[in-house]
């Protein structure tokens, strides 16, 4: 809490008003990111321009691994119960944030 999160061409950036910190995942295929969202567990989620979904938990960046067979998504949303919804080809997919399709 108390941070400003910014999606940039160089990755996700956090500022406390005087210092800046950039977050990058080792598995990231693109630097530019967008669609920042915080979930109920205070994890920060974001997507890069290659369509990979990531989250930050305890200062570490993790890639969210979608279940096999799930199509690439166009957008995502995490609700107050930490349920992950993705959208693709006029279909909405509901997943657990642990990566299980429902």
Protein backbone atom coordinates (compact mmCIF):
# COMPACT_ATOMS: atom_id res chain seq x y z
CA UNK A 1 0.00 0.00 0.00
CA UNK A 2 1.07 3.57 -0.58
CA UNK A 3 2.72 2.90 -3.94
CA UNK A 4 2.00 4.15 -7.42
CA UNK A 5 2.15 1.36 -10.01
CA UNK A 6 2.86 2.23 -13.64
CA UNK A 7 2.75 0.13 -16.80
CA UNK A 8 5.60 1.21 -19.09
CA UNK A 9 7.39 0.13 -22.26
CA UNK A 10 10.23 -1.08 -20.01
CA UNK A 11 8.05 -3.16 -17.71
CA UNK A 12 6.12 -2.69 -14.50
CA UNK A 13 7.31 0.17 -12.31
CA UNK A 14 6.53 0.97 -8.67
CA UNK A 15 7.14 4.33 -7.02
CA UNK A 16 6.83 5.58 -3.48
CA UNK A 17 7.00 9.19 -4.63
CA UNK A 18 10.80 9.44 -4.56
CA UNK A 19 12.21 6.06 -5.67
CA UNK A 20 11.36 3.86 -8.64
CA UNK A 21 11.62 0.08 -8.87
CA UNK A 22 11.15 -1.96 -12.08
CA UNK A 23 9.89 -5.53 -12.09
CA UNK A 24 10.78 -8.00 -14.84
CA UNK A 25 10.16 -11.71 -15.12
CA UNK A 26 12.90 -14.00 -16.44
CA UNK A 27 10.36 -15.72 -18.71
CA UNK A 28 8.98 -12.50 -20.19
CA UNK A 29 8.90 -12.38 -24.01
CA UNK A 30 8.16 -8.61 -24.12
CA UNK A 31 9.08 -5.63 -21.96
CA UNK A 32 6.01 -3.43 -22.41
CA UNK A 33 3.16 -4.15 -19.98
CA UNK A 34 -0.42 -3.05 -19.32
CA UNK A 35 -3.57 -3.82 -17.32
CA UNK A 36 -2.34 -3.61 -13.72
CA UNK A 37 -4.64 -5.06 -11.07
CA UNK A 38 -4.36 -5.90 -7.37
CA UNK A 39 -6.06 -9.01 -6.01
CA UNK A 40 -7.43 -9.76 -2.53
CA UNK A 41 -4.05 -11.16 -1.42
CA UNK A 42 -2.29 -7.88 -2.33
CA UNK A 43 -0.59 -9.45 -5.36
CA UNK A 44 -0.11 -7.12 -8.32
CA UNK A 45 -1.09 -8.64 -11.68
CA UNK A 46 -0.14 -7.37 -15.14
CA UNK A 47 0.09 -8.58 -18.72
CA UNK A 48 2.85 -7.98 -21.24
CA UNK A 49 2.40 -7.27 -24.94
CA UNK A 50 3.16 -10.90 -25.79
CA UNK A 51 0.06 -11.97 -23.86
CA UNK A 52 1.83 -13.40 -20.83
CA UNK A 53 0.21 -12.85 -17.45
CA UNK A 54 2.37 -12.15 -14.39
CA UNK A 55 1.93 -11.33 -10.73
CA UNK A 56 4.15 -9.91 -8.01
CA UNK A 57 4.10 -11.53 -4.62
CA UNK A 58 6.51 -10.63 -1.80
CA UNK A 59 8.72 -8.61 -4.17
CA UNK A 60 9.14 -11.51 -6.65
CA UNK A 61 7.65 -11.71 -10.15
CA UNK A 62 5.94 -14.93 -11.27
CA UNK A 63 4.41 -15.95 -14.58
CA UNK A 64 0.88 -17.30 -14.32
CA UNK A 65 0.79 -20.63 -16.14
CA UNK A 66 -2.50 -21.26 -17.89
CA UNK A 67 -3.81 -24.83 -18.05
CA UNK A 68 -2.83 -26.70 -21.21
CA UNK A 69 -5.32 -26.37 -24.06
CA UNK A 70 -6.61 -22.96 -23.01
CA UNK A 71 -6.48 -20.45 -25.89
CA UNK A 72 -4.53 -17.19 -25.72
CA UNK A 73 -6.57 -14.58 -23.91
CA UNK A 74 -7.49 -11.04 -24.94
CA UNK A 75 -8.13 -9.61 -21.49
CA UNK A 76 -8.42 -10.68 -17.87
CA UNK A 77 -10.07 -9.70 -14.61
CA UNK A 78 -9.57 -10.85 -11.02
CA UNK A 79 -12.56 -10.39 -8.73
CA UNK A 80 -12.72 -9.87 -4.94
CA UNK A 81 -12.69 -13.65 -4.36
CA UNK A 82 -9.42 -13.96 -6.36
CA UNK A 83 -11.13 -15.71 -9.27
CA UNK A 84 -9.44 -15.16 -12.61
CA UNK A 85 -11.62 -14.55 -15.67
CA UNK A 86 -10.17 -14.44 -19.20
CA UNK A 87 -11.86 -13.60 -22.47
CA UNK A 88 -11.23 -15.16 -25.88
CA UNK A 89 -13.39 -15.65 -29.01
CA UNK A 90 -16.63 -14.54 -27.34
CA UNK A 91 -16.05 -16.95 -24.45
CA UNK A 92 -15.27 -16.16 -20.84
CA UNK A 93 -13.05 -18.64 -18.99
CA UNK A 94 -13.09 -18.84 -15.20
CA UNK A 95 -9.93 -20.09 -13.48
CA UNK A 96 -8.54 -20.32 -10.00
CA UNK A 97 -5.54 -18.08 -9.46
CA UNK A 98 -3.65 -21.33 -8.86
CA UNK A 99 -4.11 -22.19 -12.57
CA UNK A 100 -7.03 -24.62 -12.64
CA UNK A 101 -9.78 -24.21 -15.25
CA UNK A 102 -13.38 -24.44 -14.08
